[in-house]
PDB file of N, CA and C in Angstrom:
ATOM      1  N   MET A   1     132.340  11.018  54.237  1.00  0.00           N
ATOM      2  CA  MET A   1     131.290  11.595  55.044  1.00  0.00           C
ATOM      3  C   MET A   1     131.743  11.750  56.495  1.00  0.00           C
ATOM      4  N   PHE A   2     132.299  10.656  57.058  1.00  0.00           N
ATOM      5  CA  PHE A   2     132.684  10.687  58.465  1.00  0.00           C
ATOM      6  C   PHE A   2     133.785  11.720  58.707  1.00  0.00           C
ATOM      7  N   ASN A   3     134.808  11.672  57.886  1.00  0.00           N
ATOM      8  CA  ASN A   3     135.930  12.602  58.078  1.00  0.00           C
ATOM      9  C   ASN A   3     135.533  14.033  57.789  1.00  0.00           C
ATOM     10  N   ASN A   4     134.607  14.220  56.857  1.00  0.00           N
ATOM     11  CA  ASN A   4     134.160  15.574  56.506  1.00  0.00           C
ATOM     12  C   ASN A   4     133.035  16.055  57.404  1.00  0.00           C
ATOM     13  N   LYS A   5     132.587  15.215  58.308  1.00  0.00           N
ATOM     14  CA  LYS A   5     131.491  15.525  59.234  1.00  0.00           C
ATOM     15  C   LYS A   5     130.242  15.974  58.484  1.00  0.00           C
ATOM     16  N   GLN A   6     129.896  15.209  57.432  1.00  0.00           N
ATOM     17  CA  GLN A   6     128.698  15.495  56.665  1.00  0.00           C
ATOM     18  C   GLN A   6     127.535  14.686  57.209  1.00  0.00           C
ATOM     19  N   GLN A   7     126.393  15.335  57.245  1.00  0.00           N
ATOM     20  CA  GLN A   7     125.179  14.651  57.673  1.00  0.00           C
ATOM     21  C   GLN A   7     124.392  14.256  56.423  1.00  0.00           C
ATOM     22  N   VAL A   8     123.971  12.977  56.360  1.00  0.00           N
ATOM     23  CA  VAL A   8     123.200  12.475  55.225  1.00  0.00           C
ATOM     24  C   VAL A   8     121.885  11.931  55.770  1.00  0.00           C
ATOM     25  N   ASP A   9     120.770  12.439  55.217  1.00  0.00           N
ATOM     26  CA  ASP A   9     119.451  11.991  55.691  1.00  0.00           C
ATOM     27  C   ASP A   9     119.323  10.480  55.628  1.00  0.00           C
ATOM     28  N   ASP A  10     118.756   9.904  56.674  1.00  0.00           N
ATOM     29  CA  ASP A  10     118.505   8.463  56.808  1.00  0.00           C
ATOM     30  C   ASP A  10     119.779   7.627  56.792  1.00  0.00           C
ATOM     31  N   LEU A  11     120.932   8.249  56.950  1.00  0.00           N
ATOM     32  CA  LEU A  11     122.178   7.490  56.962  1.00  0.00           C
ATOM     33  C   LEU A  11     123.081   7.894  58.119  1.00  0.00           C
ATOM     34  N   SER A  12     123.258   9.197  58.299  1.00  0.00           N
ATOM     35  CA  SER A  12     124.193   9.636  59.332  1.00  0.00           C
ATOM     36  C   SER A  12     123.741  10.957  59.944  1.00  0.00           C
ATOM     37  N   VAL A  13     124.247  11.221  61.140  1.00  0.00           N
ATOM     38  CA  VAL A  13     124.015  12.494  61.818  1.00  0.00           C
ATOM     39  C   VAL A  13     125.350  12.980  62.360  1.00  0.00           C
ATOM     40  N   THR A  14     125.419  14.264  62.580  1.00  0.00           N
ATOM     41  CA  THR A  14     126.603  14.817  63.234  1.00  0.00           C
ATOM     42  C   THR A  14     126.154  15.371  64.580  1.00  0.00           C
ATOM     43  N   VAL A  15     126.906  15.061  65.601  1.00  0.00           N
ATOM     44  CA  VAL A  15     126.580  15.537  66.945  1.00  0.00           C
ATOM     45  C   VAL A  15     127.836  16.122  67.579  1.00  0.00           C
ATOM     46  N   SER A  16     127.620  17.012  68.485  1.00  0.00           N
ATOM     47  CA  SER A  16     128.746  17.642  69.176  1.00  0.00           C
ATOM     48  C   SER A  16     129.148  16.793  70.379  1.00  0.00           C
ATOM     49  N   TYR A  17     130.327  17.068  70.888  1.00  0.00           N
ATOM     50  CA  TYR A  17     130.772  16.379  72.103  1.00  0.00           C
ATOM     51  C   TYR A  17     129.832  16.680  73.259  1.00  0.00           C
ATOM     52  N   GLU A  18     129.298  17.903  73.263  1.00  0.00           N
ATOM     53  CA  GLU A  18     128.348  18.277  74.319  1.00  0.00           C
ATOM     54  C   GLU A  18     127.081  17.407  74.242  1.00  0.00           C
ATOM     55  N   ASP A  19     126.568  17.179  73.015  1.00  0.00           N
ATOM     56  CA  ASP A  19     125.392  16.314  72.849  1.00  0.00           C
ATOM     57  C   ASP A  19     125.658  14.904  73.375  1.00  0.00           C
ATOM     58  N   ILE A  20     126.860  14.420  73.086  1.00  0.00           N
ATOM     59  CA  ILE A  20     127.217  13.069  73.545  1.00  0.00           C
ATOM     60  C   ILE A  20     127.308  13.035  75.063  1.00  0.00           C
ATOM     61  N   SER A  21     127.881  14.055  75.659  1.00  0.00           N
ATOM     62  CA  SER A  21     127.993  14.067  77.126  1.00  0.00           C
ATOM     63  C   SER A  21     126.620  14.169  77.779  1.00  0.00           C
ATOM     64  N   LEU A  22     125.687  14.897  77.150  1.00  0.00           N
ATOM     65  CA  LEU A  22     124.331  14.995  77.693  1.00  0.00           C
ATOM     66  C   LEU A  22     123.603  13.658  77.672  1.00  0.00           C
ATOM     67  N   LYS A  23     124.038  12.766  76.803  1.00  0.00           N
ATOM     68  CA  LYS A  23     123.431  11.421  76.713  1.00  0.00           C
ATOM     69  C   LYS A  23     124.265  10.395  77.485  1.00  0.00           C
ATOM     70  N   ASN A  24     125.034  10.860  78.466  1.00  0.00           N
ATOM     71  CA  ASN A  24     125.899   9.997  79.282  1.00  0.00           C
ATOM     72  C   ASN A  24     126.899   9.221  78.431  1.00  0.00           C
ATOM     73  N   TYR A  25     127.403   9.855  77.407  1.00  0.00           N
ATOM     74  CA  TYR A  25     128.423   9.293  76.520  1.00  0.00           C
ATOM     75  C   TYR A  25     127.954   8.024  75.813  1.00  0.00           C
ATOM     76  N   SER A  26     126.666   7.912  75.643  1.00  0.00           N
ATOM     77  CA  SER A  26     126.111   6.775  74.912  1.00  0.00           C
ATOM     78  C   SER A  26     126.266   7.026  73.423  1.00  0.00           C
ATOM     79  N   LEU A  27     126.718   6.009  72.703  1.00  0.00           N
ATOM     80  CA  LEU A  27     126.893   6.134  71.267  1.00  0.00           C
ATOM     81  C   LEU A  27     125.826   5.360  70.489  1.00  0.00           C
ATOM     82  N   SER A  28     124.729   5.023  71.132  1.00  0.00           N
ATOM     83  CA  SER A  28     123.625   4.357  70.441  1.00  0.00           C
ATOM     84  C   SER A  28     123.053   5.325  69.412  1.00  0.00           C
ATOM     85  N   ALA A  29     123.186   4.955  68.157  1.00  0.00           N
ATOM     86  CA  ALA A  29     122.866   5.878  67.065  1.00  0.00           C
ATOM     87  C   ALA A  29     121.419   6.348  67.074  1.00  0.00           C
ATOM     88  N   GLY A  30     120.485   5.471  67.422  1.00  0.00           N
ATOM     89  CA  GLY A  30     119.067   5.801  67.331  1.00  0.00           C
ATOM     90  C   GLY A  30     118.660   7.034  68.108  1.00  0.00           C
ATOM     91  N   GLN A  31     119.328   7.305  69.208  1.00  0.00           N
ATOM     92  CA  GLN A  31     118.914   8.445  70.025  1.00  0.00           C
ATOM     93  C   GLN A  31     119.351   9.789  69.445  1.00  0.00           C
ATOM     94  N   TYR A  32     120.190   9.769  68.445  1.00  0.00           N
ATOM     95  CA  TYR A  32     120.649  11.016  67.841  1.00  0.00           C
ATOM     96  C   TYR A  32     119.929  11.342  66.528  1.00  0.00           C
ATOM     97  N   PHE A  33     119.208  10.365  65.975  1.00  0.00           N
ATOM     98  CA  PHE A  33     118.470  10.621  64.739  1.00  0.00           C
ATOM     99  C   PHE A  33     117.158  11.316  65.060  1.00  0.00           C
ATOM    100  N   GLU A  34     116.809  12.275  64.235  1.00  0.00           N
ATOM    101  CA  GLU A  34     115.538  12.972  64.378  1.00  0.00           C
ATOM    102  C   GLU A  34     114.442  12.132  63.724  1.00  0.00           C
ATOM    103  N   VAL A  35     113.335  11.985  64.399  1.00  0.00           N
ATOM    104  CA  VAL A  35     112.220  11.228  63.849  1.00  0.00           C
ATOM    105  C   VAL A  35     111.429  12.136  62.921  1.00  0.00           C
ATOM    106  N   LYS A  36     111.278  11.681  61.686  1.00  0.00           N
ATOM    107  CA  LYS A  36     110.537  12.464  60.701  1.00  0.00           C
ATOM    108  C   LYS A  36     109.307  11.672  60.296  1.00  0.00           C
ATOM    109  N   ILE A  37     108.159  12.291  60.429  1.00  0.00           N
ATOM    110  CA  ILE A  37     106.902  11.650  60.044  1.00  0.00           C
ATOM    111  C   ILE A  37     106.302  12.441  58.900  1.00  0.00           C
ATOM    112  N   GLU A  38     106.067  11.739  57.797  1.00  0.00           N
ATOM    113  CA  GLU A  38     105.456  12.390  56.655  1.00  0.00           C
ATOM    114  C   GLU A  38     103.990  11.995  56.588  1.00  0.00           C
ATOM    115  N   TYR A  39     103.137  12.984  56.634  1.00  0.00           N
ATOM    116  CA  TYR A  39     101.712  12.731  56.514  1.00  0.00           C
ATOM    117  C   TYR A  39     101.315  12.972  55.067  1.00  0.00           C
ATOM    118  N   THR A  40     100.920  11.907  54.398  1.00  0.00           N
ATOM    119  CA  THR A  40     100.569  12.039  52.987  1.00  0.00           C
ATOM    120  C   THR A  40      99.071  11.928  52.763  1.00  0.00           C
ATOM    121  N   ASP A  41      98.338  11.426  53.724  1.00  0.00           N
ATOM    122  CA  ASP A  41      96.897  11.257  53.590  1.00  0.00           C
ATOM    123  C   ASP A  41      96.160  12.429  54.221  1.00  0.00           C
ATOM    124  N   THR A  42      95.059  12.787  53.595  1.00  0.00           N
ATOM    125  CA  THR A  42      94.168  13.772  54.214  1.00  0.00           C
ATOM    126  C   THR A  42      93.295  13.013  55.205  1.00  0.00           C
ATOM    127  N   PRO A  43      92.637  13.695  56.106  1.00  0.00           N
ATOM    128  CA  PRO A  43      91.737  12.987  57.028  1.00  0.00           C
ATOM    129  C   PRO A  43      90.673  12.168  56.289  1.00  0.00           C
ATOM    130  N   LYS A  44      90.189  12.674  55.165  1.00  0.00           N
ATOM    131  CA  LYS A  44      89.188  11.935  54.390  1.00  0.00           C
ATOM    132  C   LYS A  44      89.793  10.648  53.818  1.00  0.00           C
ATOM    133  N   GLN A  45      91.009  10.727  53.275  1.00  0.00           N
ATOM    134  CA  GLN A  45      91.674   9.535  52.732  1.00  0.00           C
ATOM    135  C   GLN A  45      91.928   8.516  53.832  1.00  0.00           C
ATOM    136  N   PHE A  46      92.330   8.999  54.998  1.00  0.00           N
ATOM    137  CA  PHE A  46      92.563   8.105  56.128  1.00  0.00           C
ATOM    138  C   PHE A  46      91.272   7.390  56.511  1.00  0.00           C
ATOM    139  N   ALA A  47      90.167   8.131  56.592  1.00  0.00           N
ATOM    140  CA  ALA A  47      88.877   7.535  56.946  1.00  0.00           C
ATOM    141  C   ALA A  47      88.458   6.497  55.908  1.00  0.00           C
ATOM    142  N   GLU A  48      88.713   6.781  54.631  1.00  0.00           N
ATOM    143  CA  GLU A  48      88.374   5.823  53.578  1.00  0.00           C
ATOM    144  C   GLU A  48      89.193   4.537  53.716  1.00  0.00           C
ATOM    145  N   LYS A  49      90.490   4.685  53.984  1.00  0.00           N
ATOM    146  CA  LYS A  49      91.346   3.509  54.179  1.00  0.00           C
ATOM    147  C   LYS A  49      90.879   2.697  55.379  1.00  0.00           C
ATOM    148  N   MET A  50      90.553   3.398  56.466  1.00  0.00           N
ATOM    149  CA  MET A  50      90.095   2.685  57.664  1.00  0.00           C
ATOM    150  C   MET A  50      88.791   1.945  57.386  1.00  0.00           C
ATOM    151  N   GLN A  51      87.921   2.517  56.571  1.00  0.00           N
ATOM    152  CA  GLN A  51      86.667   1.854  56.229  1.00  0.00           C
ATOM    153  C   GLN A  51      86.933   0.588  55.422  1.00  0.00           C
ATOM    154  N   VAL A  52      87.887   0.640  54.494  1.00  0.00           N
ATOM    155  CA  VAL A  52      88.252  -0.548  53.713  1.00  0.00           C
ATOM    156  C   VAL A  52      88.788  -1.624  54.651  1.00  0.00           C
ATOM    157  N   PHE A  53      89.664  -1.249  55.576  1.00  0.00           N
ATOM    158  CA  PHE A  53      90.211  -2.218  56.531  1.00  0.00           C
ATOM    159  C   PHE A  53      89.102  -2.818  57.401  1.00  0.00           C
ATOM    160  N   THR A  54      88.176  -1.973  57.847  1.00  0.00           N
ATOM    161  CA  THR A  54      87.072  -2.437  58.686  1.00  0.00           C
ATOM    162  C   THR A  54      86.170  -3.396  57.918  1.00  0.00           C
ATOM    163  N   ASP A  55      85.863  -3.044  56.676  1.00  0.00           N
ATOM    164  CA  ASP A  55      85.031  -3.924  55.845  1.00  0.00           C
ATOM    165  C   ASP A  55      85.713  -5.273  55.630  1.00  0.00           C
ATOM    166  N   ASN A  56      87.003  -5.238  55.371  1.00  0.00           N
ATOM    167  CA  ASN A  56      87.762  -6.477  55.177  1.00  0.00           C
ATOM    168  C   ASN A  56      87.748  -7.313  56.453  1.00  0.00           C
ATOM    169  N   LEU A  57      87.945  -6.671  57.587  1.00  0.00           N
ATOM    170  CA  LEU A  57      87.933  -7.375  58.860  1.00  0.00           C
ATOM    171  C   LEU A  57      86.561  -7.985  59.139  1.00  0.00           C
ATOM    172  N   ASP A  58      85.500  -7.242  58.849  1.00  0.00           N
ATOM    173  CA  ASP A  58      84.147  -7.775  59.019  1.00  0.00           C
ATOM    174  C   ASP A  58      83.938  -9.019  58.165  1.00  0.00           C
ATOM    175  N   SER A  59      84.430  -8.984  56.939  1.00  0.00           N
ATOM    176  CA  SER A  59      84.315 -10.132  56.046  1.00  0.00           C
ATOM    177  C   SER A  59      85.067 -11.340  56.606  1.00  0.00           C
ATOM    178  N   LEU A  60      86.251 -11.098  57.125  1.00  0.00           N
ATOM    179  CA  LEU A  60      87.040 -12.189  57.705  1.00  0.00           C
ATOM    180  C   LEU A  60      86.370 -12.766  58.947  1.00  0.00           C
ATOM    181  N   PHE A  61      85.782 -11.906  59.778  1.00  0.00           N
ATOM    182  CA  PHE A  61      85.061 -12.388  60.959  1.00  0.00           C
ATOM    183  C   PHE A  61      83.866 -13.245  60.545  1.00  0.00           C
ATOM    184  N   LYS A  62      83.165 -12.822  59.505  1.00  0.00           N
ATOM    185  CA  LYS A  62      82.018 -13.582  59.022  1.00  0.00           C
ATOM    186  C   LYS A  62      82.475 -14.962  58.544  1.00  0.00           C
ATOM    187  N   GLN A  63      83.559 -14.993  57.774  1.00  0.00           N
ATOM    188  CA  GLN A  63      84.111 -16.275  57.313  1.00  0.00           C
ATOM    189  C   GLN A  63      84.501 -17.146  58.501  1.00  0.00           C
ATOM    190  N   SER A  64      85.082 -16.539  59.506  1.00  0.00           N
ATOM    191  CA  SER A  64      85.507 -17.272  60.691  1.00  0.00           C
ATOM    192  C   SER A  64      84.313 -17.945  61.367  1.00  0.00           C
ATOM    193  N   HIS A  65      83.220 -17.215  61.520  1.00  0.00           N
ATOM    194  CA  HIS A  65      82.032 -17.778  62.158  1.00  0.00           C
ATOM    195  C   HIS A  65      81.441 -18.905  61.325  1.00  0.00           C
ATOM    196  N   GLU A  66      81.461 -18.748  60.007  1.00  0.00           N
ATOM    197  CA  GLU A  66      80.967 -19.811  59.129  1.00  0.00           C
ATOM    198  C   GLU A  66      81.812 -21.070  59.274  1.00  0.00           C
ATOM    199  N   LEU A  67      83.126 -20.888  59.359  1.00  0.00           N
ATOM    200  CA  LEU A  67      84.021 -22.036  59.534  1.00  0.00           C
ATOM    201  C   LEU A  67      83.821 -22.686  60.904  1.00  0.00           C
ATOM    202  N   GLU A  68      83.617 -21.881  61.926  1.00  0.00           N
ATOM    203  CA  GLU A  68      83.352 -22.425  63.258  1.00  0.00           C
ATOM    204  C   GLU A  68      82.105 -23.308  63.225  1.00  0.00           C
ATOM    205  N   ASP A  69      81.050 -22.802  62.598  1.00  0.00           N
ATOM    206  CA  ASP A  69      79.806 -23.573  62.507  1.00  0.00           C
ATOM    207  C   ASP A  69      80.023 -24.876  61.741  1.00  0.00           C
ATOM    208  N   GLU A  70      80.792 -24.816  60.662  1.00  0.00           N
ATOM    209  CA  GLU A  70      81.062 -26.021  59.861  1.00  0.00           C
ATOM    210  C   GLU A  70      81.868 -27.036  60.660  1.00  0.00           C
ATOM    211  N   ILE A  71      82.837 -26.575  61.411  1.00  0.00           N
ATOM    212  CA  ILE A  71      83.646 -27.484  62.247  1.00  0.00           C
ATOM    213  C   ILE A  71      82.761 -28.148  63.297  1.00  0.00           C
ATOM    214  N   LYS A  72      81.911 -27.383  63.952  1.00  0.00           N
ATOM    215  CA  LYS A  72      81.002 -27.951  64.954  1.00  0.00           C
ATOM    216  C   LYS A  72      80.076 -28.982  64.327  1.00  0.00           C
ATOM    217  N   LYS A  73      79.581 -28.686  63.125  1.00  0.00           N
ATOM    218  CA  LYS A  73      78.704 -29.616  62.411  1.00  0.00           C
ATOM    219  C   LYS A  73      79.451 -30.915  62.105  1.00  0.00           C
ATOM    220  N   GLN A  74      80.666 -30.804  61.624  1.00  0.00           N
ATOM    221  CA  GLN A  74      81.467 -31.993  61.290  1.00  0.00           C
ATOM    222  C   GLN A  74      81.789 -32.799  62.553  1.00  0.00           C
ATOM    223  N   LEU A  75      82.092 -32.129  63.654  1.00  0.00           N
ATOM    224  CA  LEU A  75      82.373 -32.829  64.896  1.00  0.00           C
ATOM    225  C   LEU A  75      81.139 -33.581  65.400  1.00  0.00           C
ATOM    226  N   ALA A  76      79.986 -33.006  65.226  1.00  0.00           N
ATOM    227  CA  ALA A  76      78.742 -33.654  65.700  1.00  0.00           C
ATOM    228  C   ALA A  76      78.452 -34.922  64.906  1.00  0.00           C
ATOM    229  N   GLU A  77      78.955 -35.016  63.707  1.00  0.00           N
ATOM    230  CA  GLU A  77      78.717 -36.177  62.866  1.00  0.00           C
ATOM    231  C   GLU A  77      79.702 -37.323  63.102  1.00  0.00           C
ATOM    232  N   LEU A  78      80.730 -37.058  63.911  1.00  0.00           N
ATOM    233  CA  LEU A  78      81.716 -38.121  64.169  1.00  0.00           C
ATOM    234  C   LEU A  78      81.086 -39.211  65.044  1.00  0.00           C
ATOM    235  N   LYS A  79      81.440 -40.443  64.729  1.00  0.00           N
ATOM    236  CA  LYS A  79      80.939 -41.604  65.485  1.00  0.00           C
ATOM    237  C   LYS A  79      82.117 -42.443  65.951  1.00  0.00           C
ATOM    238  N   TYR A  80      81.989 -42.983  67.127  1.00  0.00           N
ATOM    239  CA  TYR A  80      83.015 -43.883  67.662  1.00  0.00           C
ATOM    240  C   TYR A  80      82.593 -45.307  67.372  1.00  0.00           C
ATOM    241  N   GLU A  81      83.499 -46.068  66.785  1.00  0.00           N
ATOM    242  CA  GLU A  81      83.194 -47.476  66.489  1.00  0.00           C
ATOM    243  C   GLU A  81      84.132 -48.401  67.201  1.00  0.00           C
TER     244      GLU A  81
END
């Protein structure tokens, strides 16, 4: 691949000497890779997922408050002897 100057998705890129000089001769690979974002969800699917996450978070917050109340109750029952 390297000797043949082949570009392989998610593995390698080929850049020109001019591209390298424009980046101040930096060879940090990340700046030469193109960022590809694949959108697989429709807006409706995204909203449904967010609702599931929100419902789950609400449930966890409710559990948290119940545990807080139980801890306070247990602390109030402690006695020093």
